[in-house]
């Protein structure tokens, strides 16, 4: 399953995953190396997805869509967990 995330507003910002490894432009690569193993938000204010390991494709995809400005996705991205229903009185 390969996918690509490209910026619609900043030409040259992108991340590509070929099913085994990822590549990115230098700026995005630097940021991804810092955050890709951290919990990634499923919405701008949470909850978060916690990576299962260093090769977690879902965490990489979520980090890429959070780092690349105004992301546009092509290919077959991984299945991202759905945001669980909000319990009454809980604000994310």
PDB file of N, CA and C in Angstrom:
ATOM      1  N   UNK A   1       0.839  -1.159   0.000  1.00  0.00           N
ATOM      2  CA  UNK A   1       0.000   0.000   0.000  1.00  0.00           C
ATOM      3  C   UNK A   1       0.893   1.234   0.000  1.00  0.00           C
ATOM      4  N   UNK A   2       0.915   1.958  -1.091  1.00  0.00           N
ATOM      5  CA  UNK A   2       1.736   3.155  -1.205  1.00  0.00           C
ATOM      6  C   UNK A   2       0.852   4.398  -1.244  1.00  0.00           C
ATOM      7  N   UNK A   3       1.396   5.493  -0.773  1.00  0.00           N
ATOM      8  CA  UNK A   3       0.650   6.749  -0.744  1.00  0.00           C
ATOM      9  C   UNK A   3       1.617   7.926  -0.810  1.00  0.00           C
ATOM     10  N   UNK A   4       1.058   9.085  -1.075  1.00  0.00           N
ATOM     11  CA  UNK A   4       1.842  10.322  -1.160  1.00  0.00           C
ATOM     12  C   UNK A   4       1.026  11.453  -0.567  1.00  0.00           C
ATOM     13  N   UNK A   5       1.676  12.297   0.215  1.00  0.00           N
ATOM     14  CA  UNK A   5       1.065  13.500   0.769  1.00  0.00           C
ATOM     15  C   UNK A   5       1.848  14.676   0.199  1.00  0.00           C
ATOM     16  N   UNK A   6       1.146  15.588  -0.486  1.00  0.00           N
ATOM     17  CA  UNK A   6       1.771  16.767  -1.074  1.00  0.00           C
ATOM     18  C   UNK A   6       1.064  18.013  -0.577  1.00  0.00           C
ATOM     19  N   UNK A   7       1.803  19.105  -0.480  1.00  0.00           N
ATOM     20  CA  UNK A   7       1.198  20.374  -0.090  1.00  0.00           C
ATOM     21  C   UNK A   7       0.526  21.026  -1.286  1.00  0.00           C
ATOM     22  N   UNK A   8      -0.677  21.534  -1.053  1.00  0.00           N
ATOM     23  CA  UNK A   8      -1.374  22.277  -2.107  1.00  0.00           C
ATOM     24  C   UNK A   8      -0.961  23.738  -2.123  1.00  0.00           C
ATOM     25  N   UNK A   9      -0.265  24.197  -1.067  1.00  0.00           N
ATOM     26  CA  UNK A   9       0.078  25.613  -0.965  1.00  0.00           C
ATOM     27  C   UNK A   9       1.578  25.887  -0.972  1.00  0.00           C
ATOM     28  N   UNK A  10       2.397  24.894  -0.664  1.00  0.00           N
ATOM     29  CA  UNK A  10       3.849  25.065  -0.666  1.00  0.00           C
ATOM     30  C   UNK A  10       4.483  24.028  -1.590  1.00  0.00           C
ATOM     31  N   UNK A  11       4.725  24.397  -2.847  1.00  0.00           N
ATOM     32  CA  UNK A  11       5.338  23.444  -3.781  1.00  0.00           C
ATOM     33  C   UNK A  11       6.651  22.902  -3.222  1.00  0.00           C
ATOM     34  N   UNK A  12       6.858  21.615  -3.407  1.00  0.00           N
ATOM     35  CA  UNK A  12       8.086  20.994  -2.948  1.00  0.00           C
ATOM     36  C   UNK A  12       7.998  20.365  -1.572  1.00  0.00           C
ATOM     37  N   UNK A  13       6.861  20.498  -0.889  1.00  0.00           N
ATOM     38  CA  UNK A  13       6.676  19.847   0.412  1.00  0.00           C
ATOM     39  C   UNK A  13       5.882  18.573   0.172  1.00  0.00           C
ATOM     40  N   UNK A  14       6.451  17.420   0.549  1.00  0.00           N
ATOM     41  CA  UNK A  14       5.814  16.135   0.271  1.00  0.00           C
ATOM     42  C   UNK A  14       6.401  15.027   1.139  1.00  0.00           C
ATOM     43  N   UNK A  15       5.642  13.943   1.260  1.00  0.00           N
ATOM     44  CA  UNK A  15       6.088  12.692   1.881  1.00  0.00           C
ATOM     45  C   UNK A  15       5.543  11.571   1.013  1.00  0.00           C
ATOM     46  N   UNK A  16       6.358  10.567   0.748  1.00  0.00           N
ATOM     47  CA  UNK A  16       5.916   9.426  -0.049  1.00  0.00           C
ATOM     48  C   UNK A  16       6.301   8.136   0.663  1.00  0.00           C
ATOM     49  N   UNK A  17       5.378   7.185   0.677  1.00  0.00           N
ATOM     50  CA  UNK A  17       5.606   5.871   1.278  1.00  0.00           C
ATOM     51  C   UNK A  17       5.335   4.828   0.209  1.00  0.00           C
ATOM     52  N   UNK A  18       6.302   3.936  -0.043  1.00  0.00           N
ATOM     53  CA  UNK A  18       6.152   2.949  -1.121  1.00  0.00           C
ATOM     54  C   UNK A  18       5.728   1.570  -0.635  1.00  0.00           C
ATOM     55  N   UNK A  19       5.350   1.478   0.627  1.00  0.00           N
ATOM     56  CA  UNK A  19       4.951   0.204   1.196  1.00  0.00           C
ATOM     57  C   UNK A  19       6.020  -0.407   2.085  1.00  0.00           C
ATOM     58  N   UNK A  20       7.267   0.061   1.934  1.00  0.00           N
ATOM     59  CA  UNK A  20       8.341  -0.435   2.777  1.00  0.00           C
ATOM     60  C   UNK A  20       9.159   0.688   3.412  1.00  0.00           C
ATOM     61  N   UNK A  21       9.342   1.776   2.687  1.00  0.00           N
ATOM     62  CA  UNK A  21      10.120   2.886   3.233  1.00  0.00           C
ATOM     63  C   UNK A  21       9.529   4.217   2.778  1.00  0.00           C
ATOM     64  N   UNK A  22       9.881   5.276   3.490  1.00  0.00           N
ATOM     65  CA  UNK A  22       9.356   6.587   3.150  1.00  0.00           C
ATOM     66  C   UNK A  22      10.482   7.525   2.747  1.00  0.00           C
ATOM     67  N   UNK A  23      10.121   8.522   1.938  1.00  0.00           N
ATOM     68  CA  UNK A  23      11.020   9.588   1.536  1.00  0.00           C
ATOM     69  C   UNK A  23      10.242  10.894   1.641  1.00  0.00           C
ATOM     70  N   UNK A  24      10.960  11.988   1.730  1.00  0.00           N
ATOM     71  CA  UNK A  24      10.315  13.293   1.847  1.00  0.00           C
ATOM     72  C   UNK A  24      11.292  14.379   1.423  1.00  0.00           C
ATOM     73  N   UNK A  25      10.757  15.577   1.201  1.00  0.00           N
ATOM     74  CA  UNK A  25      11.636  16.710   0.937  1.00  0.00           C
ATOM     75  C   UNK A  25      12.458  16.968   2.205  1.00  0.00           C
ATOM     76  N   UNK A  26      13.593  17.646   2.103  1.00  0.00           N
ATOM     77  CA  UNK A  26      14.479  17.814   3.260  1.00  0.00           C
ATOM     78  C   UNK A  26      13.827  18.461   4.492  1.00  0.00           C
ATOM     79  N   UNK A  27      13.024  19.496   4.303  1.00  0.00           N
ATOM     80  CA  UNK A  27      12.385  20.155   5.452  1.00  0.00           C
ATOM     81  C   UNK A  27      11.404  19.230   6.149  1.00  0.00           C
ATOM     82  N   UNK A  28      10.572  18.566   5.368  1.00  0.00           N
ATOM     83  CA  UNK A  28       9.572  17.658   5.936  1.00  0.00           C
ATOM     84  C   UNK A  28      10.255  16.453   6.570  1.00  0.00           C
ATOM     85  N   UNK A  29      11.295  15.945   5.940  1.00  0.00           N
ATOM     86  CA  UNK A  29      12.024  14.805   6.491  1.00  0.00           C
ATOM     87  C   UNK A  29      12.578  15.137   7.877  1.00  0.00           C
ATOM     88  N   UNK A  30      13.158  16.314   8.032  1.00  0.00           N
ATOM     89  CA  UNK A  30      13.706  16.722   9.331  1.00  0.00           C
ATOM     90  C   UNK A  30      12.627  16.722  10.406  1.00  0.00           C
ATOM     91  N   UNK A  31      11.465  17.272  10.080  1.00  0.00           N
ATOM     92  CA  UNK A  31      10.372  17.314  11.046  1.00  0.00           C
ATOM     93  C   UNK A  31       9.826  15.922  11.340  1.00  0.00           C
ATOM     94  N   UNK A  32       9.693  15.088  10.311  1.00  0.00           N
ATOM     95  CA  UNK A  32       9.176  13.732  10.517  1.00  0.00           C
ATOM     96  C   UNK A  32      10.091  12.902  11.404  1.00  0.00           C
ATOM     97  N   UNK A  33      11.382  13.065  11.259  1.00  0.00           N
ATOM     98  CA  UNK A  33      12.321  12.316  12.093  1.00  0.00           C
ATOM     99  C   UNK A  33      12.149  12.666  13.566  1.00  0.00           C
ATOM    100  N   UNK A  34      11.696  13.869  13.845  1.00  0.00           N
ATOM    101  CA  UNK A  34      11.489  14.308  15.223  1.00  0.00           C
ATOM    102  C   UNK A  34      10.181  13.767  15.793  1.00  0.00           C
ATOM    103  N   UNK A  35       9.088  13.797  15.000  1.00  0.00           N
ATOM    104  CA  UNK A  35       7.755  13.527  15.568  1.00  0.00           C
ATOM    105  C   UNK A  35       7.110  12.201  15.184  1.00  0.00           C
ATOM    106  N   UNK A  36       7.660  11.458  14.259  1.00  0.00           N
ATOM    107  CA  UNK A  36       6.931  10.292  13.743  1.00  0.00           C
ATOM    108  C   UNK A  36       6.688   9.195  14.758  1.00  0.00           C
ATOM    109  N   UNK A  37       7.468   9.110  15.828  1.00  0.00           N
ATOM    110  CA  UNK A  37       7.248   8.084  16.847  1.00  0.00           C
ATOM    111  C   UNK A  37       6.473   8.600  18.052  1.00  0.00           C
ATOM    112  N   UNK A  38       6.038   9.857  17.984  1.00  0.00           N
ATOM    113  CA  UNK A  38       5.231  10.450  19.055  1.00  0.00           C
ATOM    114  C   UNK A  38       3.759  10.167  18.805  1.00  0.00           C
ATOM    115  N   UNK A  39       2.920  10.238  19.842  1.00  0.00           N
ATOM    116  CA  UNK A  39       1.475  10.123  19.617  1.00  0.00           C
ATOM    117  C   UNK A  39       1.010  11.188  18.618  1.00  0.00           C
ATOM    118  N   UNK A  40       0.140  10.780  17.692  1.00  0.00           N
ATOM    119  CA  UNK A  40      -0.341  11.675  16.640  1.00  0.00           C
ATOM    120  C   UNK A  40      -1.831  11.950  16.833  1.00  0.00           C
ATOM    121  N   UNK A  41      -2.248  13.223  16.769  1.00  0.00           N
ATOM    122  CA  UNK A  41      -3.659  13.528  16.959  1.00  0.00           C
ATOM    123  C   UNK A  41      -4.522  13.007  15.810  1.00  0.00           C
ATOM    124  N   UNK A  42      -5.687  12.473  16.168  1.00  0.00           N
ATOM    125  CA  UNK A  42      -6.659  12.041  15.158  1.00  0.00           C
ATOM    126  C   UNK A  42      -7.516  13.218  14.707  1.00  0.00           C
ATOM    127  N   UNK A  43      -7.636  14.226  15.549  1.00  0.00           N
ATOM    128  CA  UNK A  43      -8.275  15.495  15.207  1.00  0.00           C
ATOM    129  C   UNK A  43      -7.332  16.579  15.732  1.00  0.00           C
ATOM    130  N   UNK A  44      -7.516  17.812  15.349  1.00  0.00           N
ATOM    131  CA  UNK A  44      -6.586  18.854  15.827  1.00  0.00           C
ATOM    132  C   UNK A  44      -6.481  18.964  17.348  1.00  0.00           C
ATOM    133  N   UNK A  45      -7.512  18.548  18.074  1.00  0.00           N
ATOM    134  CA  UNK A  45      -7.480  18.669  19.535  1.00  0.00           C
ATOM    135  C   UNK A  45      -7.527  17.319  20.247  1.00  0.00           C
ATOM    136  N   UNK A  46      -7.337  16.226  19.547  1.00  0.00           N
ATOM    137  CA  UNK A  46      -7.325  14.897  20.169  1.00  0.00           C
ATOM    138  C   UNK A  46      -8.593  14.152  19.858  1.00  0.00           C
ATOM    139  N   UNK A  47      -8.657  12.928  20.217  1.00  0.00           N
ATOM    140  CA  UNK A  47      -7.673  12.104  20.912  1.00  0.00           C
ATOM    141  C   UNK A  47      -6.468  11.802  20.024  1.00  0.00           C
ATOM    142  N   UNK A  48      -5.513  11.062  20.573  1.00  0.00           N
ATOM    143  CA  UNK A  48      -4.294  10.773  19.834  1.00  0.00           C
ATOM    144  C   UNK A  48      -4.199   9.285  19.496  1.00  0.00           C
ATOM    145  N   UNK A  49      -3.425   9.015  18.448  1.00  0.00           N
ATOM    146  CA  UNK A  49      -3.078   7.652  18.056  1.00  0.00           C
ATOM    147  C   UNK A  49      -1.655   7.420  18.555  1.00  0.00           C
ATOM    148  N   UNK A  50      -1.451   6.363  19.318  1.00  0.00           N
ATOM    149  CA  UNK A  50      -0.122   6.046  19.834  1.00  0.00           C
ATOM    150  C   UNK A  50       0.546   5.028  18.910  1.00  0.00           C
ATOM    151  N   UNK A  51       1.717   5.364  18.360  1.00  0.00           N
ATOM    152  CA  UNK A  51       2.403   4.445  17.455  1.00  0.00           C
ATOM    153  C   UNK A  51       2.707   3.102  18.124  1.00  0.00           C
ATOM    154  N   UNK A  52       2.644   2.040  17.327  1.00  0.00           N
ATOM    155  CA  UNK A  52       2.902   0.689  17.840  1.00  0.00           C
ATOM    156  C   UNK A  52       4.375   0.318  17.759  1.00  0.00           C
ATOM    157  N   UNK A  53       5.175   1.117  17.073  1.00  0.00           N
ATOM    158  CA  UNK A  53       6.596   0.843  16.926  1.00  0.00           C
ATOM    159  C   UNK A  53       7.212   1.797  15.929  1.00  0.00           C
ATOM    160  N   UNK A  54       8.501   1.645  15.660  1.00  0.00           N
ATOM    161  CA  UNK A  54       9.193   2.591  14.781  1.00  0.00           C
ATOM    162  C   UNK A  54       8.770   2.520  13.309  1.00  0.00           C
ATOM    163  N   UNK A  55       8.123   1.453  12.899  1.00  0.00           N
ATOM    164  CA  UNK A  55       7.691   1.322  11.502  1.00  0.00           C
ATOM    165  C   UNK A  55       6.181   1.411  11.352  1.00  0.00           C
ATOM    166  N   UNK A  56       5.527   2.134  12.230  1.00  0.00           N
ATOM    167  CA  UNK A  56       4.073   2.252  12.207  1.00  0.00           C
ATOM    168  C   UNK A  56       3.637   3.163  11.058  1.00  0.00           C
ATOM    169  N   UNK A  57       3.046   2.561  10.040  1.00  0.00           N
ATOM    170  CA  UNK A  57       2.621   3.275   8.840  1.00  0.00           C
ATOM    171  C   UNK A  57       1.509   4.288   9.140  1.00  0.00           C
ATOM    172  N   UNK A  58       0.608   3.971  10.055  1.00  0.00           N
ATOM    173  CA  UNK A  58      -0.479   4.893  10.406  1.00  0.00           C
ATOM    174  C   UNK A  58       0.099   6.135  11.073  1.00  0.00           C
ATOM    175  N   UNK A  59       1.026   5.957  12.013  1.00  0.00           N
ATOM    176  CA  UNK A  59       1.642   7.102  12.691  1.00  0.00           C
ATOM    177  C   UNK A  59       2.394   7.976  11.691  1.00  0.00           C
ATOM    178  N   UNK A  60       3.099   7.351  10.749  1.00  0.00           N
ATOM    179  CA  UNK A  60       3.813   8.109   9.722  1.00  0.00           C
ATOM    180  C   UNK A  60       2.839   8.923   8.892  1.00  0.00           C
ATOM    181  N   UNK A  61       1.738   8.303   8.483  1.00  0.00           N
ATOM    182  CA  UNK A  61       0.738   9.004   7.669  1.00  0.00           C
ATOM    183  C   UNK A  61       0.134  10.177   8.444  1.00  0.00           C
ATOM    184  N   UNK A  62      -0.244   9.952   9.696  1.00  0.00           N
ATOM    185  CA  UNK A  62      -0.823  11.032  10.501  1.00  0.00           C
ATOM    186  C   UNK A  62       0.179  12.162  10.702  1.00  0.00           C
ATOM    187  N   UNK A  63       1.449  11.814  10.957  1.00  0.00           N
ATOM    188  CA  UNK A  63       2.475  12.845  11.109  1.00  0.00           C
ATOM    189  C   UNK A  63       2.651  13.620   9.804  1.00  0.00           C
ATOM    190  N   UNK A  64       2.660  12.911   8.681  1.00  0.00           N
ATOM    191  CA  UNK A  64       2.825  13.570   7.378  1.00  0.00           C
ATOM    192  C   UNK A  64       1.691  14.551   7.103  1.00  0.00           C
ATOM    193  N   UNK A  65       0.460  14.140   7.372  1.00  0.00           N
ATOM    194  CA  UNK A  65      -0.668  15.046   7.107  1.00  0.00           C
ATOM    195  C   UNK A  65      -0.692  16.206   8.093  1.00  0.00           C
ATOM    196  N   UNK A  66      -0.051  16.049   9.237  1.00  0.00           N
ATOM    197  CA  UNK A  66       0.030  17.139  10.191  1.00  0.00           C
ATOM    198  C   UNK A  66       1.177  18.099   9.910  1.00  0.00           C
ATOM    199  N   UNK A  67       2.211  17.629   9.235  1.00  0.00           N
ATOM    200  CA  UNK A  67       3.392  18.446   8.961  1.00  0.00           C
ATOM    201  C   UNK A  67       3.316  19.142   7.610  1.00  0.00           C
ATOM    202  N   UNK A  68       2.851  18.443   6.597  1.00  0.00           N
ATOM    203  CA  UNK A  68       2.788  19.014   5.252  1.00  0.00           C
ATOM    204  C   UNK A  68       1.643  20.036   5.215  1.00  0.00           C
ATOM    205  N   UNK A  69       1.938  21.287   4.863  1.00  0.00           N
ATOM    206  CA  UNK A  69       0.895  22.315   4.848  1.00  0.00           C
ATOM    207  C   UNK A  69      -0.190  22.023   3.810  1.00  0.00           C
ATOM    208  N   UNK A  70      -1.429  22.182   4.194  1.00  0.00           N
ATOM    209  CA  UNK A  70      -2.592  21.961   3.326  1.00  0.00           C
ATOM    210  C   UNK A  70      -2.405  20.669   2.531  1.00  0.00           C
ATOM    211  N   UNK A  71      -2.410  19.520   3.223  1.00  0.00           N
ATOM    212  CA  UNK A  71      -2.062  18.261   2.561  1.00  0.00           C
ATOM    213  C   UNK A  71      -3.106  17.768   1.565  1.00  0.00           C
ATOM    214  N   UNK A  72      -2.600  17.172   0.508  1.00  0.00           N
ATOM    215  CA  UNK A  72      -3.405  16.474  -0.485  1.00  0.00           C
ATOM    216  C   UNK A  72      -2.865  15.049  -0.532  1.00  0.00           C
ATOM    217  N   UNK A  73      -3.755  14.067  -0.407  1.00  0.00           N
ATOM    218  CA  UNK A  73      -3.343  12.669  -0.318  1.00  0.00           C
ATOM    219  C   UNK A  73      -3.685  11.939  -1.604  1.00  0.00           C
ATOM    220  N   UNK A  74      -2.742  11.128  -2.093  1.00  0.00           N
ATOM    221  CA  UNK A  74      -3.002  10.274  -3.246  1.00  0.00           C
ATOM    222  C   UNK A  74      -2.499   8.876  -2.922  1.00  0.00           C
ATOM    223  N   UNK A  75      -2.948   7.904  -3.710  1.00  0.00           N
ATOM    224  CA  UNK A  75      -2.554   6.516  -3.483  1.00  0.00           C
ATOM    225  C   UNK A  75      -3.502   5.821  -2.527  1.00  0.00           C
ATOM    226  N   UNK A  76      -2.966   4.869  -1.772  1.00  0.00           N
ATOM    227  CA  UNK A  76      -3.767   4.076  -0.836  1.00  0.00           C
ATOM    228  C   UNK A  76      -3.242   4.269   0.589  1.00  0.00           C
ATOM    229  N   UNK A  77      -3.705   5.327   1.263  1.00  0.00           N
ATOM    230  CA  UNK A  77      -3.223   5.553   2.624  1.00  0.00           C
ATOM    231  C   UNK A  77      -3.721   4.475   3.577  1.00  0.00           C
ATOM    232  N   UNK A  78      -3.058   4.333   4.722  1.00  0.00           N
ATOM    233  CA  UNK A  78      -3.480   3.310   5.687  1.00  0.00           C
ATOM    234  C   UNK A  78      -4.822   3.665   6.310  1.00  0.00           C
ATOM    235  N   UNK A  79      -5.477   2.662   6.852  1.00  0.00           N
ATOM    236  CA  UNK A  79      -6.747   2.881   7.550  1.00  0.00           C
ATOM    237  C   UNK A  79      -6.441   3.549   8.890  1.00  0.00           C
ATOM    238  N   UNK A  80      -6.926   4.738   9.059  1.00  0.00           N
ATOM    239  CA  UNK A  80      -6.717   5.494  10.288  1.00  0.00           C
ATOM    240  C   UNK A  80      -7.863   5.162  11.250  1.00  0.00           C
ATOM    241  N   UNK A  81      -7.546   4.922  12.520  1.00  0.00           N
ATOM    242  CA  UNK A  81      -8.617   4.611  13.472  1.00  0.00           C
ATOM    243  C   UNK A  81      -9.659   5.726  13.524  1.00  0.00           C
ATOM    244  N   UNK A  82     -10.896   5.323  13.681  1.00  0.00           N
ATOM    245  CA  UNK A  82     -11.967   6.306  13.796  1.00  0.00           C
ATOM    246  C   UNK A  82     -11.919   6.935  15.179  1.00  0.00           C
ATOM    247  N   UNK A  83     -12.338   8.180  15.246  1.00  0.00           N
ATOM    248  CA  UNK A  83     -12.418   8.865  16.530  1.00  0.00           C
ATOM    249  C   UNK A  83     -13.566   8.242  17.302  1.00  0.00           C
ATOM    250  N   UNK A  84     -13.301   7.789  18.531  1.00  0.00           N
ATOM    251  CA  UNK A  84     -14.374   7.150  19.292  1.00  0.00           C
ATOM    252  C   UNK A  84     -15.483   8.152  19.620  1.00  0.00           C
ATOM    253  N   UNK A  85     -16.685   7.640  19.835  1.00  0.00           N
ATOM    254  CA  UNK A  85     -17.782   8.541  20.191  1.00  0.00           C
ATOM    255  C   UNK A  85     -17.427   9.309  21.465  1.00  0.00           C
ATOM    256  N   UNK A  86     -17.864  10.517  21.513  1.00  0.00           N
ATOM    257  CA  UNK A  86     -17.580  11.363  22.660  1.00  0.00           C
ATOM    258  C   UNK A  86     -18.569  11.050  23.780  1.00  0.00           C
ATOM    259  N   UNK A  87     -18.028  10.774  24.953  1.00  0.00           N
ATOM    260  CA  UNK A  87     -18.890  10.552  26.112  1.00  0.00           C
ATOM    261  C   UNK A  87     -19.511  11.865  26.514  1.00  0.00           C
ATOM    262  N   UNK A  88     -20.681  11.795  27.048  1.00  0.00           N
ATOM    263  CA  UNK A  88     -21.387  13.010  27.439  1.00  0.00           C
ATOM    264  C   UNK A  88     -20.527  13.824  28.436  1.00  0.00           C
ATOM    265  N   UNK A  89     -20.345  15.091  28.137  1.00  0.00           N
ATOM    266  CA  UNK A  89     -19.586  15.972  29.001  1.00  0.00           C
ATOM    267  C   UNK A  89     -18.106  16.028  28.719  1.00  0.00           C
ATOM    268  N   UNK A  90     -17.602  15.201  27.759  1.00  0.00           N
ATOM    269  CA  UNK A  90     -16.173  15.203  27.417  1.00  0.00           C
ATOM    270  C   UNK A  90     -15.948  16.151  26.262  1.00  0.00           C
ATOM    271  N   UNK A  91     -14.952  17.005  26.380  1.00  0.00           N
ATOM    272  CA  UNK A  91     -14.609  17.935  25.321  1.00  0.00           C
ATOM    273  C   UNK A  91     -13.187  17.625  24.870  1.00  0.00           C
ATOM    274  N   UNK A  92     -13.005  17.413  23.566  1.00  0.00           N
ATOM    275  CA  UNK A  92     -11.663  17.166  23.029  1.00  0.00           C
ATOM    276  C   UNK A  92     -11.056  18.462  22.575  1.00  0.00           C
TER     277      UNK A  92
END
